[in-house]
Each structure stands twice: as C-alpha cells, then as structure tokens.
PDB file of N, CA and C in Angstrom:
ATOM      1  N   UNK A   1      -5.440  15.833  -7.081  1.00  0.00           N
ATOM      2  CA  UNK A   1      -4.335  15.319  -6.899  1.00  0.00           C
ATOM      3  C   UNK A   1      -3.120  16.814  -6.820  1.00  0.00           C
ATOM      4  N   UNK A   2      -2.035  15.652  -6.017  1.00  0.00           N
ATOM      5  CA  UNK A   2      -0.624  16.619  -5.346  1.00  0.00           C
ATOM      6  C   UNK A   2       0.421  16.964  -6.413  1.00  0.00           C
ATOM      7  N   UNK A   3       0.385  18.021  -5.373  1.00  0.00           N
ATOM      8  CA  UNK A   3       1.132  18.714  -6.099  1.00  0.00           C
ATOM      9  C   UNK A   3       2.977  19.588  -5.570  1.00  0.00           C
ATOM     10  N   UNK A   4       3.811  18.759  -6.251  1.00  0.00           N
ATOM     11  CA  UNK A   4       5.427  19.481  -5.619  1.00  0.00           C
ATOM     12  C   UNK A   4       6.510  19.635  -6.057  1.00  0.00           C
ATOM     13  N   UNK A   5       7.385  20.669  -5.708  1.00  0.00           N
ATOM     14  CA  UNK A   5       8.527  20.526  -6.034  1.00  0.00           C
ATOM     15  C   UNK A   5       9.022  20.175  -5.720  1.00  0.00           C
ATOM     16  N   UNK A   6      10.528  20.067  -6.730  1.00  0.00           N
ATOM     17  CA  UNK A   6      11.564  19.852  -6.227  1.00  0.00           C
ATOM     18  C   UNK A   6      13.023  20.625  -6.186  1.00  0.00           C
ATOM     19  N   UNK A   7      13.613  20.899  -5.196  1.00  0.00           N
ATOM     20  CA  UNK A   7      14.981  21.229  -5.288  1.00  0.00           C
ATOM     21  C   UNK A   7      16.914  20.554  -5.585  1.00  0.00           C
ATOM     22  N   UNK A   8      17.278  21.169  -6.365  1.00  0.00           N
ATOM     23  CA  UNK A   8      18.338  20.249  -6.401  1.00  0.00           C
ATOM     24  C   UNK A   8      19.252  20.602  -6.481  1.00  0.00           C
ATOM     25  N   UNK A   9      20.182  20.292  -5.126  1.00  0.00           N
ATOM     26  CA  UNK A   9      21.649  21.206  -4.853  1.00  0.00           C
ATOM     27  C   UNK A   9      22.538  20.154  -5.134  1.00  0.00           C
ATOM     28  N   UNK A  10      23.954  20.964  -5.933  1.00  0.00           N
ATOM     29  CA  UNK A  10      24.888  20.034  -5.833  1.00  0.00           C
ATOM     30  C   UNK A  10      26.068  19.870  -5.274  1.00  0.00           C
ATOM     31  N   UNK A  11      26.105  18.792  -3.595  1.00  0.00           N
ATOM     32  CA  UNK A  11      26.922  19.144  -2.785  1.00  0.00           C
ATOM     33  C   UNK A  11      28.528  18.729  -3.733  1.00  0.00           C
ATOM     34  N   UNK A  12      28.941  18.768  -4.656  1.00  0.00           N
ATOM     35  CA  UNK A  12      29.887  18.191  -4.966  1.00  0.00           C
ATOM     36  C   UNK A  12      30.450  19.542  -4.456  1.00  0.00           C
ATOM     37  N   UNK A  13      30.122  20.869  -4.507  1.00  0.00           N
ATOM     38  CA  UNK A  13      30.488  22.094  -5.084  1.00  0.00           C
ATOM     39  C   UNK A  13      31.079  22.744  -3.621  1.00  0.00           C
ATOM     40  N   UNK A  14      30.572  22.289  -2.438  1.00  0.00           N
ATOM     41  CA  UNK A  14      31.044  22.430  -1.083  1.00  0.00           C
ATOM     42  C   UNK A  14      31.004  24.008  -0.904  1.00  0.00           C
ATOM     43  N   UNK A  15      29.849  24.233  -1.528  1.00  0.00           N
ATOM     44  CA  UNK A  15      29.004  25.252  -0.440  1.00  0.00           C
ATOM     45  C   UNK A  15      29.454  26.005  -0.082  1.00  0.00           C
ATOM     46  N   UNK A  16      28.846  26.706   0.847  1.00  0.00           N
ATOM     47  CA  UNK A  16      27.920  27.054   2.244  1.00  0.00           C
ATOM     48  C   UNK A  16      26.716  26.980   2.452  1.00  0.00           C
ATOM     49  N   UNK A  17      26.239  27.076   3.528  1.00  0.00           N
ATOM     50  CA  UNK A  17      24.939  26.390   3.934  1.00  0.00           C
ATOM     51  C   UNK A  17      24.512  27.881   3.274  1.00  0.00           C
ATOM     52  N   UNK A  18      24.259  29.068   3.786  1.00  0.00           N
ATOM     53  CA  UNK A  18      24.261  30.639   2.940  1.00  0.00           C
ATOM     54  C   UNK A  18      23.409  29.967   1.623  1.00  0.00           C
ATOM     55  N   UNK A  19      25.287  29.726   0.816  1.00  0.00           N
ATOM     56  CA  UNK A  19      25.344  29.997  -0.862  1.00  0.00           C
ATOM     57  C   UNK A  19      23.890  28.959  -1.067  1.00  0.00           C
ATOM     58  N   UNK A  20      24.461  27.547  -0.996  1.00  0.00           N
ATOM     59  CA  UNK A  20      23.269  26.494  -1.002  1.00  0.00           C
ATOM     60  C   UNK A  20      21.769  26.836  -1.162  1.00  0.00           C
ATOM     61  N   UNK A  21      21.068  28.141   0.568  1.00  0.00           N
ATOM     62  CA  UNK A  21      19.975  28.442   0.301  1.00  0.00           C
ATOM     63  C   UNK A  21      20.071  29.066  -0.728  1.00  0.00           C
ATOM     64  N   UNK A  22      20.655  30.481  -1.672  1.00  0.00           N
ATOM     65  CA  UNK A  22      20.244  31.714  -1.844  1.00  0.00           C
ATOM     66  C   UNK A  22      20.271  30.200  -3.588  1.00  0.00           C
ATOM     67  N   UNK A  23      21.021  30.003  -3.158  1.00  0.00           N
ATOM     68  CA  UNK A  23      21.384  28.705  -5.381  1.00  0.00           C
ATOM     69  C   UNK A  23      19.626  27.744  -5.252  1.00  0.00           C
ATOM     70  N   UNK A  24      18.988  27.248  -4.527  1.00  0.00           N
ATOM     71  CA  UNK A  24      18.341  26.604  -4.508  1.00  0.00           C
ATOM     72  C   UNK A  24      16.994  27.702  -4.333  1.00  0.00           C
ATOM     73  N   UNK A  25      17.199  28.621  -3.590  1.00  0.00           N
ATOM     74  CA  UNK A  25      16.084  29.610  -3.685  1.00  0.00           C
ATOM     75  C   UNK A  25      15.685  30.423  -5.897  1.00  0.00           C
ATOM     76  N   UNK A  26      16.584  30.649  -5.381  1.00  0.00           N
ATOM     77  CA  UNK A  26      16.771  30.374  -7.128  1.00  0.00           C
ATOM     78  C   UNK A  26      16.124  29.899  -8.260  1.00  0.00           C
ATOM     79  N   UNK A  27      16.774  28.954  -7.596  1.00  0.00           N
ATOM     80  CA  UNK A  27      16.186  27.724  -8.576  1.00  0.00           C
ATOM     81  C   UNK A  27      14.620  27.669  -8.844  1.00  0.00           C
ATOM     82  N   UNK A  28      13.582  27.797  -7.323  1.00  0.00           N
ATOM     83  CA  UNK A  28      12.259  26.877  -7.178  1.00  0.00           C
ATOM     84  C   UNK A  28      11.880  28.458  -7.903  1.00  0.00           C
ATOM     85  N   UNK A  29      12.752  29.891  -7.842  1.00  0.00           N
ATOM     86  CA  UNK A  29      11.834  30.918  -8.382  1.00  0.00           C
ATOM     87  C   UNK A  29      11.533  30.243  -9.849  1.00  0.00           C
ATOM     88  N   UNK A  30      12.876  30.463 -10.546  1.00  0.00           N
ATOM     89  CA  UNK A  30      13.153  30.251 -12.027  1.00  0.00           C
ATOM     90  C   UNK A  30      11.770  29.011 -12.171  1.00  0.00           C
ATOM     91  N   UNK A  31      11.481  28.078 -11.715  1.00  0.00           N
ATOM     92  CA  UNK A  31      11.040  27.242 -11.538  1.00  0.00           C
ATOM     93  C   UNK A  31       9.322  27.303 -11.933  1.00  0.00           C
ATOM     94  N   UNK A  32       9.529  28.195 -10.927  1.00  0.00           N
ATOM     95  CA  UNK A  32       7.918  28.649 -10.801  1.00  0.00           C
ATOM     96  C   UNK A  32       7.631  29.462 -11.510  1.00  0.00           C
ATOM     97  N   UNK A  33       8.215  30.147 -11.736  1.00  0.00           N
ATOM     98  CA  UNK A  33       8.011  30.902 -13.682  1.00  0.00           C
ATOM     99  C   UNK A  33       7.569  31.046 -14.152  1.00  0.00           C
ATOM    100  N   UNK A  34       9.096  29.841 -14.316  1.00  0.00           N
ATOM    101  CA  UNK A  34       8.326  29.059 -16.078  1.00  0.00           C
ATOM    102  C   UNK A  34       7.168  27.712 -16.184  1.00  0.00           C
ATOM    103  N   UNK A  35       6.268  27.534 -14.393  1.00  0.00           N
ATOM    104  CA  UNK A  35       5.309  26.610 -14.909  1.00  0.00           C
ATOM    105  C   UNK A  35       4.834  27.540 -15.216  1.00  0.00           C
ATOM    106  N   UNK A  36       4.652  29.086 -14.123  1.00  0.00           N
ATOM    107  CA  UNK A  36       3.686  29.803 -14.494  1.00  0.00           C
ATOM    108  C   UNK A  36       2.976  30.068 -16.326  1.00  0.00           C
ATOM    109  N   UNK A  37       3.891  30.339 -16.317  1.00  0.00           N
ATOM    110  CA  UNK A  37       3.979  30.826 -18.200  1.00  0.00           C
ATOM    111  C   UNK A  37       3.973  29.217 -19.129  1.00  0.00           C
ATOM    112  N   UNK A  38       4.231  28.161 -18.608  1.00  0.00           N
ATOM    113  CA  UNK A  38       3.774  27.388 -19.339  1.00  0.00           C
ATOM    114  C   UNK A  38       2.614  26.788 -18.931  1.00  0.00           C
ATOM    115  N   UNK A  39       2.292  26.128 -17.666  1.00  0.00           N
ATOM    116  CA  UNK A  39       1.297  25.090 -17.355  1.00  0.00           C
ATOM    117  C   UNK A  39       0.623  26.084 -15.833  1.00  0.00           C
ATOM    118  N   UNK A  40       0.154  27.050 -15.980  1.00  0.00           N
ATOM    119  CA  UNK A  40      -0.690  27.986 -16.103  1.00  0.00           C
ATOM    120  C   UNK A  40      -1.540  26.963 -14.439  1.00  0.00           C
ATOM    121  N   UNK A  41      -1.877  26.224 -15.187  1.00  0.00           N
ATOM    122  CA  UNK A  41      -3.139  25.010 -14.577  1.00  0.00           C
ATOM    123  C   UNK A  41      -2.770  24.230 -12.977  1.00  0.00           C
ATOM    124  N   UNK A  42      -1.103  23.251 -13.595  1.00  0.00           N
ATOM    125  CA  UNK A  42      -0.225  22.904 -12.687  1.00  0.00           C
ATOM    126  C   UNK A  42      -0.012  24.100 -11.622  1.00  0.00           C
ATOM    127  N   UNK A  43       0.233  25.097 -11.946  1.00  0.00           N
ATOM    128  CA  UNK A  43       1.192  26.373 -10.896  1.00  0.00           C
ATOM    129  C   UNK A  43      -0.536  26.733 -10.485  1.00  0.00           C
ATOM    130  N   UNK A  44      -1.177  26.169 -10.899  1.00  0.00           N
ATOM    131  CA  UNK A  44      -2.189  27.779  -9.747  1.00  0.00           C
ATOM    132  C   UNK A  44      -2.835  26.007  -8.222  1.00  0.00           C
ATOM    133  N   UNK A  45      -2.741  24.648  -9.070  1.00  0.00           N
ATOM    134  CA  UNK A  45      -2.912  23.366  -8.234  1.00  0.00           C
ATOM    135  C   UNK A  45      -2.294  23.446  -7.031  1.00  0.00           C
ATOM    136  N   UNK A  46      -0.309  24.131  -7.679  1.00  0.00           N
ATOM    137  CA  UNK A  46       0.521  23.179  -6.757  1.00  0.00           C
ATOM    138  C   UNK A  46       0.148  24.545  -5.514  1.00  0.00           C
ATOM    139  N   UNK A  47      -0.090  25.735  -6.726  1.00  0.00           N
ATOM    140  CA  UNK A  47      -0.137  27.049  -5.035  1.00  0.00           C
ATOM    141  C   UNK A  47      -1.172  26.621  -5.143  1.00  0.00           C
ATOM    142  N   UNK A  48      -2.545  26.787  -4.174  1.00  0.00           N
ATOM    143  CA  UNK A  48      -2.862  25.754  -3.853  1.00  0.00           C
ATOM    144  C   UNK A  48      -3.051  24.796  -2.925  1.00  0.00           C
ATOM    145  N   UNK A  49      -2.148  24.081  -3.404  1.00  0.00           N
ATOM    146  CA  UNK A  49      -2.752  22.939  -2.600  1.00  0.00           C
ATOM    147  C   UNK A  49      -1.052  23.510  -1.054  1.00  0.00           C
ATOM    148  N   UNK A  50      -0.757  24.686  -1.825  1.00  0.00           N
ATOM    149  CA  UNK A  50       0.480  25.193  -0.379  1.00  0.00           C
ATOM    150  C   UNK A  50       2.187  25.164  -0.875  1.00  0.00           C
ATOM    151  N   UNK A  51       2.506  25.395  -2.105  1.00  0.00           N
ATOM    152  CA  UNK A  51       3.006  24.945  -3.260  1.00  0.00           C
ATOM    153  C   UNK A  51       4.358  23.784  -2.374  1.00  0.00           C
ATOM    154  N   UNK A  52       3.824  23.014  -1.909  1.00  0.00           N
ATOM    155  CA  UNK A  52       5.374  21.814  -1.552  1.00  0.00           C
ATOM    156  C   UNK A  52       6.334  21.939  -2.001  1.00  0.00           C
ATOM    157  N   UNK A  53       6.955  22.470  -1.582  1.00  0.00           N
ATOM    158  CA  UNK A  53       8.657  22.176  -1.531  1.00  0.00           C
ATOM    159  C   UNK A  53       9.369  21.278  -1.337  1.00  0.00           C
ATOM    160  N   UNK A  54      11.035  20.286  -2.087  1.00  0.00           N
ATOM    161  CA  UNK A  54      11.492  19.255  -1.005  1.00  0.00           C
ATOM    162  C   UNK A  54      12.765  19.788  -1.365  1.00  0.00           C
ATOM    163  N   UNK A  55      14.101  20.663  -0.332  1.00  0.00           N
ATOM    164  CA  UNK A  55      15.223  20.150  -1.282  1.00  0.00           C
ATOM    165  C   UNK A  55      16.141  18.619  -1.387  1.00  0.00           C
ATOM    166  N   UNK A  56      16.818  18.576  -1.540  1.00  0.00           N
ATOM    167  CA  UNK A  56      17.151  17.521  -2.340  1.00  0.00           C
ATOM    168  C   UNK A  56      18.272  17.781  -2.942  1.00  0.00           C
ATOM    169  N   UNK A  57      19.635  16.431  -2.573  1.00  0.00           N
ATOM    170  CA  UNK A  57      21.264  16.462  -2.911  1.00  0.00           C
ATOM    171  C   UNK A  57      21.305  16.187  -4.745  1.00  0.00           C
ATOM    172  N   UNK A  58      22.309  16.328  -4.971  1.00  0.00           N
ATOM    173  CA  UNK A  58      23.291  15.847  -5.746  1.00  0.00           C
ATOM    174  C   UNK A  58      24.414  16.128  -5.929  1.00  0.00           C
ATOM    175  N   UNK A  59      24.998  15.084  -6.699  1.00  0.00           N
ATOM    176  CA  UNK A  59      26.247  14.743  -5.841  1.00  0.00           C
ATOM    177  C   UNK A  59      26.836  15.512  -6.887  1.00  0.00           C
ATOM    178  N   UNK A  60      26.632  15.720  -8.706  1.00  0.00           N
ATOM    179  CA  UNK A  60      27.720  16.284  -9.787  1.00  0.00           C
ATOM    180  C   UNK A  60      26.466  17.059 -10.806  1.00  0.00           C
ATOM    181  N   UNK A  61      26.929  18.035 -10.910  1.00  0.00           N
ATOM    182  CA  UNK A  61      26.292  19.061 -12.907  1.00  0.00           C
ATOM    183  C   UNK A  61      25.791  17.374 -13.808  1.00  0.00           C
ATOM    184  N   UNK A  62      26.704  16.266 -14.260  1.00  0.00           N
ATOM    185  CA  UNK A  62      26.607  15.643 -14.665  1.00  0.00           C
ATOM    186  C   UNK A  62      24.372  14.686 -14.201  1.00  0.00           C
ATOM    187  N   UNK A  63      25.243  14.440 -12.408  1.00  0.00           N
ATOM    188  CA  UNK A  63      23.397  13.394 -12.242  1.00  0.00           C
ATOM    189  C   UNK A  63      22.047  14.854 -12.379  1.00  0.00           C
ATOM    190  N   UNK A  64      22.115  16.042 -11.298  1.00  0.00           N
ATOM    191  CA  UNK A  64      21.531  17.249 -12.362  1.00  0.00           C
ATOM    192  C   UNK A  64      21.189  17.597 -13.272  1.00  0.00           C
ATOM    193  N   UNK A  65      21.874  16.959 -14.642  1.00  0.00           N
ATOM    194  CA  UNK A  65      21.888  17.810 -15.995  1.00  0.00           C
ATOM    195  C   UNK A  65      20.969  15.674 -16.213  1.00  0.00           C
ATOM    196  N   UNK A  66      20.935  15.223 -15.893  1.00  0.00           N
ATOM    197  CA  UNK A  66      20.072  14.109 -16.065  1.00  0.00           C
ATOM    198  C   UNK A  66      19.039  14.097 -15.922  1.00  0.00           C
ATOM    199  N   UNK A  67      18.469  14.610 -14.975  1.00  0.00           N
ATOM    200  CA  UNK A  67      17.359  14.261 -13.952  1.00  0.00           C
ATOM    201  C   UNK A  67      16.725  15.455 -14.761  1.00  0.00           C
ATOM    202  N   UNK A  68      17.685  16.087 -15.029  1.00  0.00           N
ATOM    203  CA  UNK A  68      16.422  17.628 -15.438  1.00  0.00           C
ATOM    204  C   UNK A  68      15.472  17.297 -17.117  1.00  0.00           C
ATOM    205  N   UNK A  69      17.334  16.350 -17.826  1.00  0.00           N
ATOM    206  CA  UNK A  69      16.491  16.297 -18.972  1.00  0.00           C
ATOM    207  C   UNK A  69      15.389  14.942 -18.740  1.00  0.00           C
ATOM    208  N   UNK A  70      15.108  14.171 -17.921  1.00  0.00           N
ATOM    209  CA  UNK A  70      14.442  13.188 -17.318  1.00  0.00           C
ATOM    210  C   UNK A  70      12.835  14.048 -17.319  1.00  0.00           C
ATOM    211  N   UNK A  71      12.569  14.830 -16.698  1.00  0.00           N
ATOM    212  CA  UNK A  71      11.635  16.109 -16.355  1.00  0.00           C
ATOM    213  C   UNK A  71      11.240  16.662 -17.867  1.00  0.00           C
ATOM    214  N   UNK A  72      12.060  17.535 -18.775  1.00  0.00           N
ATOM    215  CA  UNK A  72      11.878  17.762 -19.672  1.00  0.00           C
ATOM    216  C   UNK A  72      10.865  16.579 -20.373  1.00  0.00           C
ATOM    217  N   UNK A  73      11.677  15.590 -20.211  1.00  0.00           N
ATOM    218  CA  UNK A  73      10.528  14.424 -21.669  1.00  0.00           C
ATOM    219  C   UNK A  73       9.601  13.304 -21.349  1.00  0.00           C
ATOM    220  N   UNK A  74       9.553  14.484 -19.285  1.00  0.00           N
ATOM    221  CA  UNK A  74       7.965  13.947 -19.280  1.00  0.00           C
ATOM    222  C   UNK A  74       6.826  15.512 -19.741  1.00  0.00           C
ATOM    223  N   UNK A  75       7.547  16.370 -20.157  1.00  0.00           N
ATOM    224  CA  UNK A  75       6.959  17.290 -19.969  1.00  0.00           C
ATOM    225  C   UNK A  75       6.853  18.821 -18.643  1.00  0.00           C
ATOM    226  N   UNK A  76       7.621  18.352 -17.799  1.00  0.00           N
ATOM    227  CA  UNK A  76       8.163  18.506 -16.279  1.00  0.00           C
ATOM    228  C   UNK A  76       8.584  20.046 -16.829  1.00  0.00           C
ATOM    229  N   UNK A  77       8.216  20.522 -16.356  1.00  0.00           N
ATOM    230  CA  UNK A  77       9.371  22.362 -16.423  1.00  0.00           C
ATOM    231  C   UNK A  77      10.461  22.174 -15.099  1.00  0.00           C
ATOM    232  N   UNK A  78      11.689  22.448 -15.705  1.00  0.00           N
ATOM    233  CA  UNK A  78      13.212  22.789 -14.979  1.00  0.00           C
ATOM    234  C   UNK A  78      13.427  24.670 -15.022  1.00  0.00           C
ATOM    235  N   UNK A  79      14.498  24.166 -14.599  1.00  0.00           N
ATOM    236  CA  UNK A  79      15.114  25.585 -14.162  1.00  0.00           C
ATOM    237  C   UNK A  79      16.562  25.002 -13.948  1.00  0.00           C
ATOM    238  N   UNK A  80      17.839  25.738 -14.553  1.00  0.00           N
ATOM    239  CA  UNK A  80      19.199  25.314 -13.870  1.00  0.00           C
ATOM    240  C   UNK A  80      19.501  26.765 -13.531  1.00  0.00           C
ATOM    241  N   UNK A  81      19.809  27.607 -12.466  1.00  0.00           N
ATOM    242  CA  UNK A  81      20.868  28.348 -12.213  1.00  0.00           C
ATOM    243  C   UNK A  81      22.583  28.115 -12.279  1.00  0.00           C
ATOM    244  N   UNK A  82      22.669  29.249 -13.147  1.00  0.00           N
ATOM    245  CA  UNK A  82      24.225  28.892 -13.408  1.00  0.00           C
ATOM    246  C   UNK A  82      24.958  30.811 -12.431  1.00  0.00           C
ATOM    247  N   UNK A  83      25.330  30.367 -11.853  1.00  0.00           N
ATOM    248  CA  UNK A  83      26.481  31.433 -10.816  1.00  0.00           C
ATOM    249  C   UNK A  83      26.664  32.182 -10.840  1.00  0.00           C
ATOM    250  N   UNK A  84      26.873  33.518 -10.692  1.00  0.00           N
ATOM    251  CA  UNK A  84      27.461  34.741 -11.368  1.00  0.00           C
ATOM    252  C   UNK A  84      28.991  34.791 -11.075  1.00  0.00           C
ATOM    253  N   UNK A  85      29.671  33.974 -10.308  1.00  0.00           N
ATOM    254  CA  UNK A  85      30.947  34.104  -9.657  1.00  0.00           C
ATOM    255  C   UNK A  85      30.966  34.865  -8.729  1.00  0.00           C
ATOM    256  N   UNK A  86      30.561  35.264  -8.308  1.00  0.00           N
ATOM    257  CA  UNK A  86      30.587  36.915  -6.740  1.00  0.00           C
ATOM    258  C   UNK A  86      31.777  35.758  -6.171  1.00  0.00           C
ATOM    259  N   UNK A  87      30.859  34.604  -5.609  1.00  0.00           N
ATOM    260  CA  UNK A  87      31.353  34.753  -4.412  1.00  0.00           C
ATOM    261  C   UNK A  87      32.057  33.557  -3.800  1.00  0.00           C
ATOM    262  N   UNK A  88      31.538  32.320  -3.946  1.00  0.00           N
ATOM    263  CA  UNK A  88      32.161  30.728  -3.802  1.00  0.00           C
ATOM    264  C   UNK A  88      32.504  30.063  -5.125  1.00  0.00           C
ATOM    265  N   UNK A  89      32.322  30.484  -6.382  1.00  0.00           N
ATOM    266  CA  UNK A  89      32.447  29.782  -7.222  1.00  0.00           C
ATOM    267  C   UNK A  89      33.133  29.771  -8.347  1.00  0.00           C
ATOM    268  N   UNK A  90      32.592  29.702  -9.505  1.00  0.00           N
ATOM    269  CA  UNK A  90      33.076  30.404 -10.794  1.00  0.00           C
ATOM    270  C   UNK A  90      32.304  30.799 -11.806  1.00  0.00           C
ATOM    271  N   UNK A  91      32.404  31.483 -11.970  1.00  0.00           N
ATOM    272  CA  UNK A  91      31.420  32.299 -13.288  1.00  0.00           C
ATOM    273  C   UNK A  91      31.136  31.242 -13.988  1.00  0.00           C
ATOM    274  N   UNK A  92      29.276  30.799 -14.327  1.00  0.00           N
ATOM    275  CA  UNK A  92      28.766  29.540 -14.974  1.00  0.00           C
ATOM    276  C   UNK A  92      28.310  29.044 -13.790  1.00  0.00           C
ATOM    277  N   UNK A  93      29.286  28.498 -13.022  1.00  0.00           N
ATOM    278  CA  UNK A  93      28.923  27.220 -12.550  1.00  0.00           C
ATOM    279  C   UNK A  93      27.551  27.178 -11.797  1.00  0.00           C
ATOM    280  N   UNK A  94      26.996  26.018 -12.863  1.00  0.00           N
ATOM    281  CA  UNK A  94      25.226  25.427 -12.519  1.00  0.00           C
ATOM    282  C   UNK A  94      25.600  24.780 -10.822  1.00  0.00           C
ATOM    283  N   UNK A  95      25.036  25.247 -10.079  1.00  0.00           N
ATOM    284  CA  UNK A  95      24.814  25.066  -8.927  1.00  0.00           C
ATOM    285  C   UNK A  95      23.562  24.225  -8.524  1.00  0.00           C
ATOM    286  N   UNK A  96      22.026  24.175  -8.899  1.00  0.00           N
ATOM    287  CA  UNK A  96      20.975  24.285  -8.459  1.00  0.00           C
ATOM    288  C   UNK A  96      19.689  24.622  -9.698  1.00  0.00           C
ATOM    289  N   UNK A  97      19.295  23.600  -9.293  1.00  0.00           N
ATOM    290  CA  UNK A  97      18.470  23.423 -10.160  1.00  0.00           C
ATOM    291  C   UNK A  97      16.167  22.921  -9.193  1.00  0.00           C
ATOM    292  N   UNK A  98      15.931  23.150 -10.043  1.00  0.00           N
ATOM    293  CA  UNK A  98      14.722  22.839  -9.870  1.00  0.00           C
ATOM    294  C   UNK A  98      13.348  21.965 -10.845  1.00  0.00           C
ATOM    295  N   UNK A  99      12.708  21.061 -10.033  1.00  0.00           N
ATOM    296  CA  UNK A  99      12.287  19.663 -11.334  1.00  0.00           C
ATOM    297  C   UNK A  99      10.696  20.603 -10.352  1.00  0.00           C
ATOM    298  N   UNK A 100       9.397  20.894 -11.828  1.00  0.00           N
ATOM    299  CA  UNK A 100       8.889  21.516 -11.141  1.00  0.00           C
ATOM    300  C   UNK A 100       7.757  22.946 -10.757  1.00  0.00           C
ATOM    301  N   UNK A 101       7.239  23.596 -10.581  1.00  0.00           N
ATOM    302  CA  UNK A 101       5.768  22.192  -9.312  1.00  0.00           C
ATOM    303  C   UNK A 101       5.270  20.948 -10.706  1.00  0.00           C
ATOM    304  N   UNK A 102       4.790  19.829 -10.176  1.00  0.00           N
ATOM    305  CA  UNK A 102       4.146  19.157 -11.611  1.00  0.00           C
ATOM    306  C   UNK A 102       3.734  17.784 -10.552  1.00  0.00           C
ATOM    307  N   UNK A 103       2.777  17.763 -11.229  1.00  0.00           N
ATOM    308  CA  UNK A 103       2.000  16.763 -10.341  1.00  0.00           C
ATOM    309  C   UNK A 103       2.746  15.713  -9.276  1.00  0.00           C
ATOM    310  N   UNK A 104       3.252  15.677  -8.082  1.00  0.00           N
ATOM    311  CA  UNK A 104       3.666  14.848  -6.979  1.00  0.00           C
ATOM    312  C   UNK A 104       4.076  13.515  -7.734  1.00  0.00           C
ATOM    313  N   UNK A 105       3.045  12.449  -8.762  1.00  0.00           N
ATOM    314  CA  UNK A 105       3.578  11.360  -8.630  1.00  0.00           C
ATOM    315  C   UNK A 105       5.172  11.017  -9.532  1.00  0.00           C
ATOM    316  N   UNK A 106       4.516  12.730 -10.465  1.00  0.00           N
ATOM    317  CA  UNK A 106       6.322  12.500 -11.743  1.00  0.00           C
ATOM    318  C   UNK A 106       6.790  13.250 -11.377  1.00  0.00           C
ATOM    319  N   UNK A 107       6.824  14.149 -10.090  1.00  0.00           N
ATOM    320  CA  UNK A 107       8.108  14.319  -9.622  1.00  0.00           C
ATOM    321  C   UNK A 107       8.893  12.891  -8.730  1.00  0.00           C
ATOM    322  N   UNK A 108       8.311  12.249  -8.232  1.00  0.00           N
ATOM    323  CA  UNK A 108       8.915  11.062  -7.571  1.00  0.00           C
ATOM    324  C   UNK A 108       9.149  10.370  -8.010  1.00  0.00           C
ATOM    325  N   UNK A 109       8.715   9.809  -9.806  1.00  0.00           N
ATOM    326  CA  UNK A 109       9.379   9.180 -10.265  1.00  0.00           C
ATOM    327  C   UNK A 109      10.615   9.139 -11.099  1.00  0.00           C
ATOM    328  N   UNK A 110      11.343  10.591 -11.094  1.00  0.00           N
ATOM    329  CA  UNK A 110      12.808  11.416 -11.171  1.00  0.00           C
ATOM    330  C   UNK A 110      13.178  11.969 -10.338  1.00  0.00           C
ATOM    331  N   UNK A 111      13.051  12.012  -8.920  1.00  0.00           N
ATOM    332  CA  UNK A 111      13.658  12.597  -7.439  1.00  0.00           C
ATOM    333  C   UNK A 111      13.320  11.281  -6.356  1.00  0.00           C
ATOM    334  N   UNK A 112      12.185  11.169  -6.152  1.00  0.00           N
ATOM    335  CA  UNK A 112      11.484  10.119  -5.215  1.00  0.00           C
ATOM    336  C   UNK A 112      13.032   9.581  -4.618  1.00  0.00           C
ATOM    337  N   UNK A 113      14.415   8.967  -4.969  1.00  0.00           N
ATOM    338  CA  UNK A 113      14.961   8.056  -5.119  1.00  0.00           C
ATOM    339  C   UNK A 113      16.755   9.103  -4.092  1.00  0.00           C
ATOM    340  N   UNK A 114      16.308  10.492  -4.417  1.00  0.00           N
ATOM    341  CA  UNK A 114      17.415  10.704  -3.243  1.00  0.00           C
ATOM    342  C   UNK A 114      17.286  10.934  -2.235  1.00  0.00           C
ATOM    343  N   UNK A 115      18.448  12.001  -1.230  1.00  0.00           N
ATOM    344  CA  UNK A 115      18.310  12.296  -0.983  1.00  0.00           C
ATOM    345  C   UNK A 115      18.350  13.013  -0.224  1.00  0.00           C
ATOM    346  N   UNK A 116      17.781  13.617   1.739  1.00  0.00           N
ATOM    347  CA  UNK A 116      17.552  15.410   2.311  1.00  0.00           C
ATOM    348  C   UNK A 116      18.640  16.309   1.365  1.00  0.00           C
ATOM    349  N   UNK A 117      18.585  16.835   1.681  1.00  0.00           N
ATOM    350  CA  UNK A 117      19.454  18.337   1.685  1.00  0.00           C
ATOM    351  C   UNK A 117      20.025  18.356   2.991  1.00  0.00           C
TER     352      UNK A 117
END
C-alpha cells in the first residue's frame, strides 16, 4: 500500500512564493508530527515509501476547512497553519494545511480533484 501527504495552500491570499512554500512546510511538518503520535504505523509506512508529498491549490478558507473536516471523518490526521502575521497576512490567518500521511487511496478521495500548486 502506498502512502502520501497532500499539502494544501490557499491561493486567495495572494502570498508570495516564498511565503507559500514556508506555510506549506509548516503544514507538512505539523501533519507528520501528528501522524507520528496518532498513527505511527502510517508514518512509518509513509517514510519508508519515500515520504511522498504533493502541493495543491485551495481557493478559500472554506474549501480548506471542508477538506480537512472530510479527512478527519475518515480518520486521517490533518494540520492547519495559523500564521503569526509578521509579514504578508494578518495574525491568525489560516494559510495552509496538510492531510496525511495516510493511504494514498484515502487521500485521493479528498484531494484527488485539486490542481497542483
């Protein structure tokens, strides 16, 4: 079974590329740490399989929250990033999220139709 993580970055915020990368990285690390705690066997399988990650666009906070809610309902770990607001967005703005690592077929049920970042 293959495992992967989907990194979701909000495009409606018009963040610069560097900011988007940093926010996606925060989300990926947070989701990986949560999965390591909650589902260590999934984390291990993901890591052993190359730690696959895919960066995807989400168009709004609402879309990001709907996707993470659906993932949680399937038992998949999620993480969202609330920015400190030191550079490009207001404090507390949710900029990105990550779903997984989890079995690829489950992640694809949630994020399979999104466009690459």
